[in-house]
Structures are given as C-alpha cells and as structure tokens.
Amino acid sequence: MRVISGSAKGRPLKAVPGTGTRPTTDKVKEALFSMIGPYFSGGNALDLFAGTGGLGIEALSRGMDHAVFIDQDRTSIEVVRHNLEAAKLADKAEIYRNDAFRAIKVLAKRDMRFELVFLDPPYRLKQAGELMLQLAESELLESGATVVVEYESGYRYAEKIGSFYEKRRAVYGETAVALYRYEPAVSSDDREGGKESNEEHQV
C-alpha cells in the first residue's frame, strides 16, 4: 500500500498485522478519489474506521486541512500513527481509540464539522446507514458534505438515507463504494425537479 497522489505521493503505508483489518486496495482508492476529488482545497475529514489510516491520509495528501482518525483496535491506532509520521502528515491529524458511535458523541461536544467522511466498517456490520443518521443528528457535517461508504458488493444500502442521497456507486469485485451527499435543506419534492441521476459503475 502507498499514498497514490498529492504531497505524500509514493510514501509506503504499513498494514495492520493479522486478518482482522481489510485495507482499501490501491486500485479502489485511486478510483474512489478520482470520483470525489481528486484534490481538495482544504476542509476537515473524518476516517471513522481508520484501519491503516489509508483513506484519511490520502485525503490529507490531496489537500484536506485536517483529519480525525478513529478506530477501536489498539494495533490499528499504532499503525495509523506510524503511517501519518511516514507520510509527514502527523501535524494535520488527530487519532483516537474509540467505538465509532461513542466517537461521534465525543466529536459533537467539540463543535466540529466535516466536509468528508469515510465509513468502512467491517463487512459483517451493516452500520453505515445508522452512523450517517447519527452524524447528521449530532450536527457534525457541513451541508453538501460527502460520505464515502465501502461495503461488500453483495449488499445494497438505500439510495436515500435521511438527508443523504447516493450520487454514485461503483463495484470492484467483492467491494462496493457508494458516495452520498448530505443535503439537509433539500426536500424530496425539490430534488424531483432537477435531480441529477444516480450513477452506477461496475469494474
């Protein structure tokens, strides 16, 4: 694994030992960032199931100002810290060991707002929809924020989850990536008139 583009391009990233963590492959990561960026002019990112930290680190390398990394596994936290140092991006990051739902409650008390969120929970947990709703309820998202959900391709999340609307979905073998846009002020009726079509791709 490596940082694909941006200020830390080419820096190698350490994997989490064992089989409990499933890092996003470079192929999927490159395709994902071509859809959501590929580069950013600042903003805050949240990597809620950080694993190796690869997604949040890629976002920082491509221009995000700051990223918060959350994982409940102690080894993953150590790997994220190592990878941030290796990418020379540690000064732009915060790392916390916590459960995703509890972490959202803690972040809400800090009055933080995110433009980009990565949700890549273990495939056996179909929690992304519930987490998105909690992020919105906790007022942690800027209007228009992008939420990236990575999950097994045999499963399908709804195209609309609360105030989140699926913009694109792509399938890469056993992995699916869905991009949701947070639109709290847009009603369903408003969207019907000039709604951009949802796109789906399979590779």
Protein backbone atom coordinates (compact mmCIF):
# COMPACT_ATOMS: atom_id res chain seq x y z
CA MET A 1 0.00 0.00 0.00
CA ARG A 2 1.11 3.54 -0.69
CA VAL A 3 -0.08 7.12 -0.90
CA ILE A 4 -1.21 7.47 -4.51
CA SER A 5 -1.11 11.22 -5.15
CA GLY A 6 -0.55 14.63 -3.61
CA SER A 7 2.08 15.92 -1.21
CA ALA A 8 2.89 12.44 0.17
CA LYS A 9 2.75 10.64 -3.19
CA GLY A 10 4.60 7.33 -3.22
CA ARG A 11 5.08 7.05 0.55
CA PRO A 12 4.62 3.41 1.63
CA LEU A 13 1.93 2.63 4.21
CA LYS A 14 2.20 -0.11 6.80
CA ALA A 15 -0.58 -2.70 7.02
CA VAL A 16 -2.24 -3.82 10.23
CA PRO A 17 -0.90 -7.30 11.18
CA GLY A 18 -3.32 -10.21 11.00
CA THR A 19 -6.56 -10.64 9.10
CA GLY A 20 -8.91 -8.55 11.22
CA THR A 21 -8.44 -5.40 9.12
CA ARG A 22 -9.27 -5.16 5.43
CA PRO A 23 -7.40 -2.20 3.91
CA THR A 24 -8.80 -0.48 0.84
CA THR A 25 -6.72 -1.59 -2.15
CA ASP A 26 -4.75 0.96 -4.12
CA LYS A 27 -6.95 0.26 -7.16
CA VAL A 28 -10.15 1.04 -5.27
CA LYS A 29 -8.58 4.01 -3.51
CA GLU A 30 -7.42 5.55 -6.79
CA ALA A 31 -10.86 5.11 -8.36
CA LEU A 32 -12.56 6.48 -5.26
CA PHE A 33 -10.53 9.67 -5.14
CA SER A 34 -10.99 10.25 -8.84
CA MET A 35 -14.73 10.36 -8.07
CA ILE A 36 -14.68 12.61 -5.00
CA GLY A 37 -11.71 14.89 -5.73
CA PRO A 38 -9.29 14.15 -6.98
CA TYR A 39 -7.84 17.08 -4.97
CA PHE A 40 -9.24 19.30 -2.25
CA SER A 41 -8.91 22.94 -1.30
CA GLY A 42 -8.97 22.48 2.46
CA GLY A 43 -11.61 21.20 4.85
CA ASN A 44 -11.89 18.55 7.56
CA ALA A 45 -12.07 14.79 7.03
CA LEU A 46 -13.21 12.02 9.36
CA ASP A 47 -11.93 8.45 8.95
CA LEU A 48 -14.27 6.59 11.30
CA PHE A 49 -13.00 3.01 10.87
CA ALA A 50 -9.45 4.04 10.14
CA GLY A 51 -7.69 0.66 9.99
CA THR A 52 -4.36 1.65 8.43
CA GLY A 53 -5.48 5.26 8.01
CA GLY A 54 -5.00 4.98 4.26
CA LEU A 55 -8.15 6.85 3.22
CA GLY A 56 -7.73 9.77 5.61
CA ILE A 57 -4.03 10.03 4.79
CA GLU A 58 -4.80 10.09 1.07
CA ALA A 59 -7.31 12.90 1.69
CA LEU A 60 -4.70 14.91 3.60
CA SER A 61 -2.12 14.32 0.89
CA ARG A 62 -4.61 15.63 -1.69
CA GLY A 63 -5.33 18.87 0.12
CA MET A 64 -7.63 18.43 3.12
CA ASP A 65 -6.54 20.66 6.02
CA HIS A 66 -7.18 18.29 8.90
CA ALA A 67 -8.31 14.71 9.54
CA VAL A 68 -9.58 12.82 12.56
CA PHE A 69 -8.85 9.09 12.68
CA ILE A 70 -10.96 6.74 14.81
CA ASP A 71 -10.53 3.03 15.43
CA GLN A 72 -11.29 0.83 18.41
CA ASP A 73 -8.36 -1.53 17.80
CA ARG A 74 -5.16 -0.61 19.63
CA THR A 75 -2.89 -2.07 16.94
CA SER A 76 -4.70 -0.13 14.22
CA ILE A 77 -4.18 3.10 16.15
CA GLU A 78 -0.45 2.39 16.34
CA VAL A 79 -0.35 1.70 12.59
CA VAL A 80 -2.26 4.92 11.80
CA ARG A 81 0.21 6.89 13.91
CA HIS A 82 3.17 5.24 12.13
CA ASN A 83 1.70 5.87 8.67
CA LEU A 84 0.97 9.53 9.41
CA GLU A 85 4.56 10.00 10.52
CA ALA A 86 5.84 8.20 7.42
CA ALA A 87 3.70 10.45 5.21
CA LYS A 88 4.84 13.53 7.18
CA LEU A 89 1.21 14.45 7.84
CA ALA A 90 1.01 13.89 11.60
CA ASP A 91 0.72 17.63 12.28
CA LYS A 92 -2.60 17.67 10.40
CA ALA A 93 -4.19 14.76 12.24
CA GLU A 94 -5.87 13.65 15.45
CA ILE A 95 -6.03 9.96 16.36
CA TYR A 96 -8.43 8.41 18.87
CA ARG A 97 -9.10 4.88 20.02
CA ASN A 98 -12.84 4.57 20.41
CA ASP A 99 -16.00 2.88 19.18
CA ALA A 100 -17.48 4.70 16.18
CA PHE A 101 -20.80 5.59 17.84
CA ARG A 102 -19.13 6.84 21.03
CA ALA A 103 -16.61 8.78 18.97
CA ILE A 104 -19.41 10.66 17.22
CA LYS A 105 -20.81 11.74 20.59
CA VAL A 106 -17.38 12.97 21.71
CA LEU A 107 -16.76 14.89 18.50
CA ALA A 108 -20.20 16.52 18.72
CA LYS A 109 -19.22 18.08 22.05
CA ARG A 110 -16.25 19.74 20.32
CA ASP A 111 -18.46 21.50 17.79
CA MET A 112 -16.54 20.00 14.85
CA ARG A 113 -17.77 19.99 11.25
CA PHE A 114 -16.62 17.70 8.46
CA GLU A 115 -16.78 18.04 4.67
CA LEU A 116 -15.63 14.47 4.00
CA VAL A 117 -16.33 11.26 5.95
CA PHE A 118 -15.09 7.73 5.28
CA LEU A 119 -17.22 4.84 6.58
CA ASP A 120 -15.54 1.49 6.04
CA PRO A 121 -16.86 -0.74 8.85
CA PRO A 122 -16.18 -4.50 8.93
CA TYR A 123 -18.28 -6.10 6.22
CA ARG A 124 -20.26 -8.15 8.73
CA LEU A 125 -21.58 -4.91 10.29
CA LYS A 126 -24.22 -3.16 8.21
CA GLN A 127 -23.99 0.04 10.29
CA ALA A 128 -23.25 2.75 7.76
CA GLY A 129 -26.84 3.99 7.50
CA GLU A 130 -27.22 4.23 11.27
CA LEU A 131 -23.88 6.01 11.56
CA MET A 132 -24.81 8.53 8.86
CA LEU A 133 -28.02 9.39 10.68
CA GLN A 134 -26.11 9.87 13.94
CA LEU A 135 -23.56 12.10 12.21
CA ALA A 136 -26.40 14.28 10.94
CA GLU A 137 -28.23 14.31 14.27
CA SER A 138 -25.02 15.32 16.02
CA GLU A 139 -24.57 18.21 13.55
CA LEU A 140 -21.09 17.05 12.59
CA LEU A 141 -21.49 17.57 8.85
CA GLU A 142 -21.31 20.63 6.65
CA SER A 143 -24.20 20.96 4.21
CA GLY A 144 -23.07 19.29 0.99
CA ALA A 145 -20.62 17.00 2.78
CA THR A 146 -19.56 13.79 1.05
CA VAL A 147 -19.83 10.47 2.88
CA VAL A 148 -17.96 7.54 1.35
CA VAL A 149 -19.31 4.11 2.29
CA GLU A 150 -17.30 1.00 1.50
CA TYR A 151 -19.02 -2.38 1.90
CA GLU A 152 -19.43 -5.82 0.38
CA SER A 153 -20.85 -5.72 -3.14
CA GLY A 154 -23.48 -8.38 -2.38
CA TYR A 155 -25.23 -5.91 -0.09
CA ARG A 156 -27.02 -2.70 -1.05
CA TYR A 157 -27.71 0.38 1.07
CA ALA A 158 -30.72 2.55 0.23
CA GLU A 159 -30.21 5.39 -2.24
CA LYS A 160 -31.73 7.79 0.29
CA ILE A 161 -30.88 7.61 3.99
CA GLY A 162 -32.39 10.52 5.89
CA SER A 163 -30.91 13.65 4.30
CA PHE A 164 -28.21 11.65 2.49
CA TYR A 165 -28.56 10.96 -1.22
CA GLU A 166 -26.48 8.44 -3.12
CA LYS A 167 -24.70 10.14 -6.03
CA ARG A 168 -22.56 7.31 -7.33
CA ARG A 169 -21.96 3.66 -6.68
CA ALA A 170 -19.16 1.56 -8.08
CA VAL A 171 -18.40 -2.14 -7.71
CA TYR A 172 -14.86 -3.55 -7.71
CA GLY A 173 -15.14 -7.32 -7.35
CA GLU A 174 -16.27 -8.02 -3.77
CA THR A 175 -16.11 -4.34 -2.80
CA ALA A 176 -18.76 -1.67 -3.38
CA VAL A 177 -18.20 2.05 -2.87
CA ALA A 178 -21.14 4.43 -2.55
CA LEU A 179 -20.85 8.21 -2.43
CA TYR A 180 -23.55 10.05 -0.50
CA ARG A 181 -24.13 13.78 -0.39
CA TYR A 182 -25.58 15.35 2.74
CA GLU A 183 -28.38 17.74 1.72
CA PRO A 184 -30.30 18.67 4.89
CA ALA A 185 -32.16 21.62 3.35
CA VAL A 186 -33.37 19.88 0.18
CA SER A 187 -36.77 18.23 0.24
CA SER A 188 -37.68 15.21 -1.86
CA ASP A 189 -40.04 17.38 -3.94
CA ASP A 190 -37.26 19.86 -4.71
CA ARG A 191 -34.98 17.04 -5.84
CA GLU A 192 -37.52 15.53 -8.21
CA GLY A 193 -37.50 18.62 -10.41
CA GLY A 194 -33.80 18.89 -11.11
CA LYS A 195 -32.30 15.76 -9.60
CA GLU A 196 -29.03 14.65 -11.09
CA SER A 197 -29.13 11.00 -12.00
CA ASN A 198 -27.54 8.43 -9.73
CA GLU A 199 -24.65 6.71 -11.45
CA GLU A 200 -23.56 3.11 -11.01
CA HIS A 201 -20.41 1.52 -12.35
CA GLN A 202 -19.03 -1.97 -12.23
CA VAL A 203 -15.41 -2.95 -12.70
